[in-house]
All heavy atoms as atom14 arrays in JSON, in Angstrom:
{
  "sequence": "LTTAQVDRVLRRDAGSGGLPGLLRGLGDREALSSTYRALSQS",
  "atom14_mask": [
    [1, 1, 1, 1, 1, 1, 1, 1, 0, 0, 0, 0, 0, 0],
    [1, 1, 1, 1, 1, 1, 1, 0, 0, 0, 0, 0, 0, 0],
    [1, 1, 1, 1, 1, 1, 1, 0, 0, 0, 0, 0, 0, 0],
    [1, 1, 1, 1, 1, 0, 0, 0, 0, 0, 0, 0, 0, 0],
    [1, 1, 1, 1, 1, 1, 1, 1, 1, 0, 0, 0, 0, 0],
    [1, 1, 1, 1, 1, 1, 1, 0, 0, 0, 0, 0, 0, 0],
    [1, 1, 1, 1, 1, 1, 1, 1, 0, 0, 0, 0, 0, 0],
    [1, 1, 1, 1, 1, 1, 1, 1, 1, 1, 1, 0, 0, 0],
    [1, 1, 1, 1, 1, 1, 1, 0, 0, 0, 0, 0, 0, 0],
    [1, 1, 1, 1, 1, 1, 1, 1, 0, 0, 0, 0, 0, 0],
    [1, 1, 1, 1, 1, 1, 1, 1, 1, 1, 1, 0, 0, 0],
    [1, 1, 1, 1, 1, 1, 1, 1, 1, 1, 1, 0, 0, 0],
    [1, 1, 1, 1, 1, 1, 1, 1, 0, 0, 0, 0, 0, 0],
    [1, 1, 1, 1, 1, 0, 0, 0, 0, 0, 0, 0, 0, 0],
    [1, 1, 1, 1, 0, 0, 0, 0, 0, 0, 0, 0, 0, 0],
    [1, 1, 1, 1, 1, 1, 0, 0, 0, 0, 0, 0, 0, 0],
    [1, 1, 1, 1, 0, 0, 0, 0, 0, 0, 0, 0, 0, 0],
    [1, 1, 1, 1, 0, 0, 0, 0, 0, 0, 0, 0, 0, 0],
    [1, 1, 1, 1, 1, 1, 1, 1, 0, 0, 0, 0, 0, 0],
    [1, 1, 1, 1, 1, 1, 1, 0, 0, 0, 0, 0, 0, 0],
    [1, 1, 1, 1, 0, 0, 0, 0, 0, 0, 0, 0, 0, 0],
    [1, 1, 1, 1, 1, 1, 1, 1, 0, 0, 0, 0, 0, 0],
    [1, 1, 1, 1, 1, 1, 1, 1, 0, 0, 0, 0, 0, 0],
    [1, 1, 1, 1, 1, 1, 1, 1, 1, 1, 1, 0, 0, 0],
    [1, 1, 1, 1, 0, 0, 0, 0, 0, 0, 0, 0, 0, 0],
    [1, 1, 1, 1, 1, 1, 1, 1, 0, 0, 0, 0, 0, 0],
    [1, 1, 1, 1, 0, 0, 0, 0, 0, 0, 0, 0, 0, 0],
    [1, 1, 1, 1, 1, 1, 1, 1, 0, 0, 0, 0, 0, 0],
    [1, 1, 1, 1, 1, 1, 1, 1, 1, 1, 1, 0, 0, 0],
    [1, 1, 1, 1, 1, 1, 1, 1, 1, 0, 0, 0, 0, 0],
    [1, 1, 1, 1, 1, 0, 0, 0, 0, 0, 0, 0, 0, 0],
    [1, 1, 1, 1, 1, 1, 1, 1, 0, 0, 0, 0, 0, 0],
    [1, 1, 1, 1, 1, 1, 0, 0, 0, 0, 0, 0, 0, 0],
    [1, 1, 1, 1, 1, 1, 0, 0, 0, 0, 0, 0, 0, 0],
    [1, 1, 1, 1, 1, 1, 1, 0, 0, 0, 0, 0, 0, 0],
    [1, 1, 1, 1, 1, 1, 1, 1, 1, 1, 1, 1, 0, 0],
    [1, 1, 1, 1, 1, 1, 1, 1, 1, 1, 1, 0, 0, 0],
    [1, 1, 1, 1, 1, 0, 0, 0, 0, 0, 0, 0, 0, 0],
    [1, 1, 1, 1, 1, 1, 1, 1, 0, 0, 0, 0, 0, 0],
    [1, 1, 1, 1, 1, 1, 0, 0, 0, 0, 0, 0, 0, 0],
    [1, 1, 1, 1, 1, 1, 1, 1, 1, 0, 0, 0, 0, 0],
    [1, 1, 1, 1, 1, 1, 0, 0, 0, 0, 0, 0, 0, 0]
  ],
  "atom14_positions": [
    [[5.67, 4.33, 59.3], [4.85, 3.85, 60.4], [5.22, 4.63, 61.65], [6.4, 4.85, 61.91], [5.1, 2.36, 60.65], [4.75, 1.4, 59.53], [5.19, -0.01, 59.9], [3.28, 1.43, 59.24], [0.0, 0.0, 0.0], [0.0, 0.0, 0.0], [0.0, 0.0, 0.0], [0.0, 0.0, 0.0], [0.0, 0.0, 0.0], [0.0, 0.0, 0.0]],
    [[4.24, 5.04, 62.38], [4.53, 5.69, 63.64], [4.87, 4.6, 64.66], [4.54, 3.43, 64.48], [3.33, 6.49, 64.16], [2.27, 5.57, 64.48], [2.87, 7.52, 63.14], [0.0, 0.0, 0.0], [0.0, 0.0, 0.0], [0.0, 0.0, 0.0], [0.0, 0.0, 0.0], [0.0, 0.0, 0.0], [0.0, 0.0, 0.0], [0.0, 0.0, 0.0]],
    [[5.52, 5.0, 65.73], [5.84, 4.06, 66.79], [4.55, 3.45, 67.34], [4.5, 2.25, 67.63], [6.61, 4.77, 67.92], [7.79, 5.35, 67.36], [6.99, 3.81, 69.03], [0.0, 0.0, 0.0], [0.0, 0.0, 0.0], [0.0, 0.0, 0.0], [0.0, 0.0, 0.0], [0.0, 0.0, 0.0], [0.0, 0.0, 0.0], [0.0, 0.0, 0.0]],
    [[3.5, 4.25, 67.45], [2.22, 3.74, 67.96], [1.64, 2.67, 67.04], [1.09, 1.67, 67.51], [1.22, 4.89, 68.12], [0.0, 0.0, 0.0], [0.0, 0.0, 0.0], [0.0, 0.0, 0.0], [0.0, 0.0, 0.0], [0.0, 0.0, 0.0], [0.0, 0.0, 0.0], [0.0, 0.0, 0.0], [0.0, 0.0, 0.0], [0.0, 0.0, 0.0]],
    [[1.76, 2.86, 65.72], [1.24, 1.85, 64.78], [2.0, 0.54, 64.91], [1.4, -0.53, 64.96], [1.34, 2.37, 63.34], [0.37, 3.46, 63.01], [0.67, 4.1, 61.67], [1.82, 4.37, 61.34], [-0.39, 4.33, 60.9], [0.0, 0.0, 0.0], [0.0, 0.0, 0.0], [0.0, 0.0, 0.0], [0.0, 0.0, 0.0], [0.0, 0.0, 0.0]],
    [[3.31, 0.61, 64.97], [4.13, -0.59, 65.11], [3.81, -1.27, 66.44], [3.64, -2.48, 66.53], [5.63, -0.25, 65.0], [6.49, -1.47, 65.32], [5.95, 0.28, 63.61], [0.0, 0.0, 0.0], [0.0, 0.0, 0.0], [0.0, 0.0, 0.0], [0.0, 0.0, 0.0], [0.0, 0.0, 0.0], [0.0, 0.0, 0.0], [0.0, 0.0, 0.0]],
    [[3.71, -0.47, 67.49], [3.43, -1.0, 68.82], [2.08, -1.73, 68.86], [1.97, -2.8, 69.43], [3.45, 0.13, 69.84], [3.47, -0.38, 71.26], [4.24, -1.32, 71.53], [2.71, 0.15, 72.08], [0.0, 0.0, 0.0], [0.0, 0.0, 0.0], [0.0, 0.0, 0.0], [0.0, 0.0, 0.0], [0.0, 0.0, 0.0], [0.0, 0.0, 0.0]],
    [[1.07, -1.16, 68.21], [-0.26, -1.79, 68.18], [-0.2, -3.16, 67.53], [-0.78, -4.12, 68.03], [-1.25, -0.9, 67.43], [-2.27, -0.24, 68.3], [-3.42, 0.39, 67.52], [-3.09, 0.97, 66.24], [-2.77, 2.24, 66.04], [-2.72, 3.08, 67.04], [-2.5, 2.69, 64.83], [0.0, 0.0, 0.0], [0.0, 0.0, 0.0], [0.0, 0.0, 0.0]],
    [[0.5, -3.27, 66.42], [0.6, -4.54, 65.71], [1.29, -5.58, 66.58], [0.82, -6.71, 66.71], [1.36, -4.37, 64.38], [1.68, -5.71, 63.76], [0.56, -3.51, 63.41], [0.0, 0.0, 0.0], [0.0, 0.0, 0.0], [0.0, 0.0, 0.0], [0.0, 0.0, 0.0], [0.0, 0.0, 0.0], [0.0, 0.0, 0.0], [0.0, 0.0, 0.0]],
    [[2.4, -5.2, 67.18], [3.15, -6.16, 67.98], [2.45, -6.52, 69.29], [2.49, -7.66, 69.72], [4.56, -5.63, 68.27], [5.46, -5.54, 67.05], [6.79, -4.91, 67.42], [5.68, -6.89, 66.41], [0.0, 0.0, 0.0], [0.0, 0.0, 0.0], [0.0, 0.0, 0.0], [0.0, 0.0, 0.0], [0.0, 0.0, 0.0], [0.0, 0.0, 0.0]],
    [[1.8, -5.55, 69.92], [1.13, -5.8, 71.19], [0.01, -6.81, 71.03], [-0.23, -7.63, 71.91], [0.57, -4.51, 71.78], [-0.03, -4.74, 73.16], [-0.52, -3.46, 73.8], [0.63, -2.66, 74.17], [0.76, -1.38, 73.87], [-0.17, -0.75, 73.21], [1.83, -0.71, 74.24], [0.0, 0.0, 0.0], [0.0, 0.0, 0.0], [0.0, 0.0, 0.0]],
    [[-0.66, -6.79, 69.9], [-1.78, -7.69, 69.65], [-1.39, -9.15, 69.84], [-2.13, -9.94, 70.39], [-2.32, -7.46, 68.24], [-3.78, -7.71, 68.12], [-4.31, -7.33, 66.77], [-4.43, -5.88, 66.67], [-4.27, -5.19, 65.56], [-3.98, -5.78, 64.44], [-4.4, -3.9, 65.56], [0.0, 0.0, 0.0], [0.0, 0.0, 0.0], [0.0, 0.0, 0.0]],
    [[-0.2, -9.52, 69.38], [0.23, -10.92, 69.47], [1.26, -11.17, 70.56], [1.41, -12.28, 71.02], [0.79, -11.39, 68.13], [-0.32, -11.75, 67.17], [-1.15, -12.6, 67.53], [-0.37, -11.16, 66.09], [0.0, 0.0, 0.0], [0.0, 0.0, 0.0], [0.0, 0.0, 0.0], [0.0, 0.0, 0.0], [0.0, 0.0, 0.0], [0.0, 0.0, 0.0]],
    [[1.98, -10.13, 70.96], [3.06, -10.35, 71.91], [2.56, -10.55, 73.32], [3.09, -11.37, 74.06], [4.02, -9.17, 71.88], [0.0, 0.0, 0.0], [0.0, 0.0, 0.0], [0.0, 0.0, 0.0], [0.0, 0.0, 0.0], [0.0, 0.0, 0.0], [0.0, 0.0, 0.0], [0.0, 0.0, 0.0], [0.0, 0.0, 0.0], [0.0, 0.0, 0.0]],
    [[1.56, -9.78, 73.71], [1.06, -9.88, 75.07], [2.09, -9.47, 76.1], [1.93, -9.7, 77.28], [0.0, 0.0, 0.0], [0.0, 0.0, 0.0], [0.0, 0.0, 0.0], [0.0, 0.0, 0.0], [0.0, 0.0, 0.0], [0.0, 0.0, 0.0], [0.0, 0.0, 0.0], [0.0, 0.0, 0.0], [0.0, 0.0, 0.0], [0.0, 0.0, 0.0]],
    [[3.21, -8.85, 75.66], [4.27, -8.51, 76.61], [4.75, -7.08, 76.45], [5.92, -6.8, 76.63], [5.44, -9.47, 76.43], [6.0, -9.32, 75.14], [0.0, 0.0, 0.0], [0.0, 0.0, 0.0], [0.0, 0.0, 0.0], [0.0, 0.0, 0.0], [0.0, 0.0, 0.0], [0.0, 0.0, 0.0], [0.0, 0.0, 0.0], [0.0, 0.0, 0.0]],
    [[3.87, -6.19, 76.04], [4.27, -4.8, 75.97], [4.67, -4.31, 74.6], [5.17, -3.21, 74.46], [0.0, 0.0, 0.0], [0.0, 0.0, 0.0], [0.0, 0.0, 0.0], [0.0, 0.0, 0.0], [0.0, 0.0, 0.0], [0.0, 0.0, 0.0], [0.0, 0.0, 0.0], [0.0, 0.0, 0.0], [0.0, 0.0, 0.0], [0.0, 0.0, 0.0]],
    [[4.47, -5.08, 73.57], [4.71, -4.62, 72.21], [6.14, -4.19, 71.94], [7.09, -4.76, 72.45], [0.0, 0.0, 0.0], [0.0, 0.0, 0.0], [0.0, 0.0, 0.0], [0.0, 0.0, 0.0], [0.0, 0.0, 0.0], [0.0, 0.0, 0.0], [0.0, 0.0, 0.0], [0.0, 0.0, 0.0], [0.0, 0.0, 0.0], [0.0, 0.0, 0.0]],
    [[6.31, -3.17, 71.11], [7.62, -2.71, 70.69], [8.51, -2.31, 71.87], [9.68, -2.68, 71.89], [7.5, -1.57, 69.69], [8.78, -1.09, 69.03], [9.48, -2.24, 68.31], [8.5, 0.04, 68.09], [0.0, 0.0, 0.0], [0.0, 0.0, 0.0], [0.0, 0.0, 0.0], [0.0, 0.0, 0.0], [0.0, 0.0, 0.0], [0.0, 0.0, 0.0]],
    [[7.98, -1.6, 72.88], [8.86, -1.3, 74.01], [9.45, -2.55, 74.66], [10.6, -2.55, 75.07], [7.94, -0.54, 74.98], [6.92, 0.08, 74.09], [6.69, -0.94, 73.0], [0.0, 0.0, 0.0], [0.0, 0.0, 0.0], [0.0, 0.0, 0.0], [0.0, 0.0, 0.0], [0.0, 0.0, 0.0], [0.0, 0.0, 0.0], [0.0, 0.0, 0.0]],
    [[8.67, -3.61, 74.73], [9.18, -4.87, 75.28], [10.3, -5.44, 74.43], [11.3, -5.94, 74.94], [0.0, 0.0, 0.0], [0.0, 0.0, 0.0], [0.0, 0.0, 0.0], [0.0, 0.0, 0.0], [0.0, 0.0, 0.0], [0.0, 0.0, 0.0], [0.0, 0.0, 0.0], [0.0, 0.0, 0.0], [0.0, 0.0, 0.0], [0.0, 0.0, 0.0]],
    [[10.13, -5.37, 73.11], [11.19, -5.84, 72.22], [12.43, -4.98, 72.35], [13.55, -5.47, 72.36], [10.7, -5.84, 70.77], [9.69, -6.89, 70.39], [9.19, -6.65, 68.97], [10.27, -8.28, 70.51], [0.0, 0.0, 0.0], [0.0, 0.0, 0.0], [0.0, 0.0, 0.0], [0.0, 0.0, 0.0], [0.0, 0.0, 0.0], [0.0, 0.0, 0.0]],
    [[12.23, -3.67, 72.44], [13.37, -2.76, 72.55], [14.15, -3.01, 73.84], [15.37, -2.98, 73.84], [12.91, -1.3, 72.49], [12.35, -0.85, 71.15], [11.77, 0.55, 71.27], [13.41, -0.91, 70.07], [0.0, 0.0, 0.0], [0.0, 0.0, 0.0], [0.0, 0.0, 0.0], [0.0, 0.0, 0.0], [0.0, 0.0, 0.0], [0.0, 0.0, 0.0]],
    [[13.43, -3.25, 74.93], [14.11, -3.55, 76.19], [14.94, -4.82, 76.06], [15.97, -4.96, 76.68], [13.1, -3.7, 77.32], [12.6, -2.39, 77.87], [11.84, -2.59, 79.17], [10.67, -3.42, 79.01], [9.48, -3.0, 78.6], [9.3, -1.73, 78.31], [8.46, -3.83, 78.5], [0.0, 0.0, 0.0], [0.0, 0.0, 0.0], [0.0, 0.0, 0.0]],
    [[14.49, -5.75, 75.23], [15.19, -7.03, 75.08], [16.39, -6.97, 74.18], [17.15, -7.92, 74.1], [0.0, 0.0, 0.0], [0.0, 0.0, 0.0], [0.0, 0.0, 0.0], [0.0, 0.0, 0.0], [0.0, 0.0, 0.0], [0.0, 0.0, 0.0], [0.0, 0.0, 0.0], [0.0, 0.0, 0.0], [0.0, 0.0, 0.0], [0.0, 0.0, 0.0]],
    [[16.61, -5.86, 73.46], [17.74, -5.81, 72.53], [19.08, -5.93, 73.22], [20.03, -6.43, 72.64], [17.69, -4.53, 71.69], [16.65, -4.53, 70.58], [16.63, -3.17, 69.89], [16.91, -5.62, 69.57], [0.0, 0.0, 0.0], [0.0, 0.0, 0.0], [0.0, 0.0, 0.0], [0.0, 0.0, 0.0], [0.0, 0.0, 0.0], [0.0, 0.0, 0.0]],
    [[19.18, -5.47, 74.45], [20.44, -5.58, 75.16], [20.68, -6.97, 75.72], [21.78, -7.32, 76.1], [0.0, 0.0, 0.0], [0.0, 0.0, 0.0], [0.0, 0.0, 0.0], [0.0, 0.0, 0.0], [0.0, 0.0, 0.0], [0.0, 0.0, 0.0], [0.0, 0.0, 0.0], [0.0, 0.0, 0.0], [0.0, 0.0, 0.0], [0.0, 0.0, 0.0]],
    [[19.66, -7.77, 75.77], [19.72, -9.11, 76.35], [19.35, -10.11, 75.26], [18.19, -10.32, 74.96], [18.75, -9.18, 77.53], [18.68, -10.56, 78.18], [19.33, -11.5, 77.68], [17.97, -10.68, 79.17], [0.0, 0.0, 0.0], [0.0, 0.0, 0.0], [0.0, 0.0, 0.0], [0.0, 0.0, 0.0], [0.0, 0.0, 0.0], [0.0, 0.0, 0.0]],
    [[20.35, -10.73, 74.66], [20.1, -11.63, 73.53], [19.17, -12.77, 73.88], [18.36, -13.18, 73.07], [21.42, -12.2, 73.01], [22.18, -11.19, 72.22], [23.35, -11.83, 71.55], [24.11, -10.79, 70.89], [25.25, -10.99, 70.31], [25.76, -12.19, 70.29], [25.88, -10.01, 69.73], [0.0, 0.0, 0.0], [0.0, 0.0, 0.0], [0.0, 0.0, 0.0]],
    [[19.28, -13.28, 75.1], [18.4, -14.39, 75.49], [16.94, -13.93, 75.55], [16.05, -14.61, 75.06], [18.84, -14.96, 76.84], [18.13, -16.25, 77.17], [18.73, -16.9, 78.39], [19.96, -17.0, 78.48], [17.95, -17.3, 79.27], [0.0, 0.0, 0.0], [0.0, 0.0, 0.0], [0.0, 0.0, 0.0], [0.0, 0.0, 0.0], [0.0, 0.0, 0.0]],
    [[16.69, -12.75, 76.12], [15.34, -12.22, 76.18], [14.81, -11.91, 74.79], [13.66, -12.21, 74.47], [15.29, -10.96, 77.06], [0.0, 0.0, 0.0], [0.0, 0.0, 0.0], [0.0, 0.0, 0.0], [0.0, 0.0, 0.0], [0.0, 0.0, 0.0], [0.0, 0.0, 0.0], [0.0, 0.0, 0.0], [0.0, 0.0, 0.0], [0.0, 0.0, 0.0]],
    [[15.65, -11.34, 73.94], [15.24, -11.04, 72.57], [14.91, -12.31, 71.82], [13.88, -12.4, 71.15], [16.36, -10.28, 71.84], [16.1, -9.98, 70.36], [14.9, -9.06, 70.22], [17.33, -9.37, 69.74], [0.0, 0.0, 0.0], [0.0, 0.0, 0.0], [0.0, 0.0, 0.0], [0.0, 0.0, 0.0], [0.0, 0.0, 0.0], [0.0, 0.0, 0.0]],
    [[15.75, -13.3, 71.94], [15.52, -14.58, 71.27], [14.22, -15.21, 71.74], [13.43, -15.72, 70.94], [16.7, -15.51, 71.54], [16.5, -16.75, 70.93], [0.0, 0.0, 0.0], [0.0, 0.0, 0.0], [0.0, 0.0, 0.0], [0.0, 0.0, 0.0], [0.0, 0.0, 0.0], [0.0, 0.0, 0.0], [0.0, 0.0, 0.0], [0.0, 0.0, 0.0]],
    [[13.96, -15.16, 73.03], [12.74, -15.72, 73.59], [11.5, -14.99, 73.08], [10.51, -15.6, 72.69], [12.81, -15.66, 75.12], [11.58, -16.0, 75.68], [0.0, 0.0, 0.0], [0.0, 0.0, 0.0], [0.0, 0.0, 0.0], [0.0, 0.0, 0.0], [0.0, 0.0, 0.0], [0.0, 0.0, 0.0], [0.0, 0.0, 0.0], [0.0, 0.0, 0.0]],
    [[11.57, -13.65, 73.07], [10.44, -12.84, 72.58], [10.21, -13.11, 71.11], [9.07, -13.29, 70.67], [10.72, -11.34, 72.8], [10.94, -11.11, 74.18], [9.57, -10.49, 72.32], [0.0, 0.0, 0.0], [0.0, 0.0, 0.0], [0.0, 0.0, 0.0], [0.0, 0.0, 0.0], [0.0, 0.0, 0.0], [0.0, 0.0, 0.0], [0.0, 0.0, 0.0]],
    [[11.29, -13.15, 70.32], [11.15, -13.41, 68.89], [10.54, -14.79, 68.65], [9.64, -14.94, 67.84], [12.51, -13.3, 68.18], [12.41, -13.77, 66.77], [11.76, -13.0, 65.82], [12.91, -15.01, 66.39], [11.62, -13.43, 64.52], [12.78, -15.45, 65.09], [12.14, -14.67, 64.16], [12.0, -15.11, 62.88], [0.0, 0.0, 0.0], [0.0, 0.0, 0.0]],
    [[11.03, -15.8, 69.37], [10.49, -17.16, 69.21], [9.0, -17.19, 69.5], [8.21, -17.77, 68.75], [11.22, -18.14, 70.13], [12.36, -18.86, 69.49], [12.81, -20.07, 70.29], [13.0, -19.81, 71.71], [14.09, -19.29, 72.25], [15.1, -18.96, 71.49], [14.18, -19.09, 73.53], [0.0, 0.0, 0.0], [0.0, 0.0, 0.0], [0.0, 0.0, 0.0]],
    [[8.58, -16.53, 70.58], [7.17, -16.52, 70.94], [6.33, -15.83, 69.86], [5.28, -16.34, 69.46], [6.98, -15.82, 72.29], [0.0, 0.0, 0.0], [0.0, 0.0, 0.0], [0.0, 0.0, 0.0], [0.0, 0.0, 0.0], [0.0, 0.0, 0.0], [0.0, 0.0, 0.0], [0.0, 0.0, 0.0], [0.0, 0.0, 0.0], [0.0, 0.0, 0.0]],
    [[6.8, -14.69, 69.38], [6.05, -13.97, 68.35], [6.03, -14.73, 67.03], [5.02, -14.75, 66.33], [6.65, -12.58, 68.13], [6.34, -11.54, 69.19], [7.18, -10.3, 68.96], [4.87, -11.2, 69.19], [0.0, 0.0, 0.0], [0.0, 0.0, 0.0], [0.0, 0.0, 0.0], [0.0, 0.0, 0.0], [0.0, 0.0, 0.0], [0.0, 0.0, 0.0]],
    [[7.16, -15.33, 66.67], [7.24, -16.0, 65.37], [6.42, -17.28, 65.32], [6.17, -17.81, 64.24], [8.69, -16.28, 65.0], [9.25, -17.23, 65.87], [0.0, 0.0, 0.0], [0.0, 0.0, 0.0], [0.0, 0.0, 0.0], [0.0, 0.0, 0.0], [0.0, 0.0, 0.0], [0.0, 0.0, 0.0], [0.0, 0.0, 0.0], [0.0, 0.0, 0.0]],
    [[5.97, -17.78, 66.46], [5.13, -18.98, 66.49], [3.69, -18.67, 66.09], [2.95, -19.56, 65.7], [5.13, -19.6, 67.89], [6.48, -20.07, 68.37], [7.04, -21.17, 67.51], [6.32, -22.07, 67.07], [8.32, -21.11, 67.24], [0.0, 0.0, 0.0], [0.0, 0.0, 0.0], [0.0, 0.0, 0.0], [0.0, 0.0, 0.0], [0.0, 0.0, 0.0]],
    [[3.3, -17.42, 66.19], [1.93, -17.03, 65.88], [1.68, -17.13, 64.38], [2.5, -16.71, 63.56], [1.68, -15.59, 66.34], [0.42, -15.16, 65.87], [0.0, 0.0, 0.0], [0.0, 0.0, 0.0], [0.0, 0.0, 0.0], [0.0, 0.0, 0.0], [0.0, 0.0, 0.0], [0.0, 0.0, 0.0], [0.0, 0.0, 0.0], [0.0, 0.0, 0.0]]
  ]
}
């Protein structure tokens, strides 16, 4: 999968910048956990 393909899939439901948003959250466990919780509810 290209980064663009992964990003498109995640952006559709995340509403918060797709994969780049998730990557930014990797250093911050609370932000990552929040993003994951929001996405996993879909």
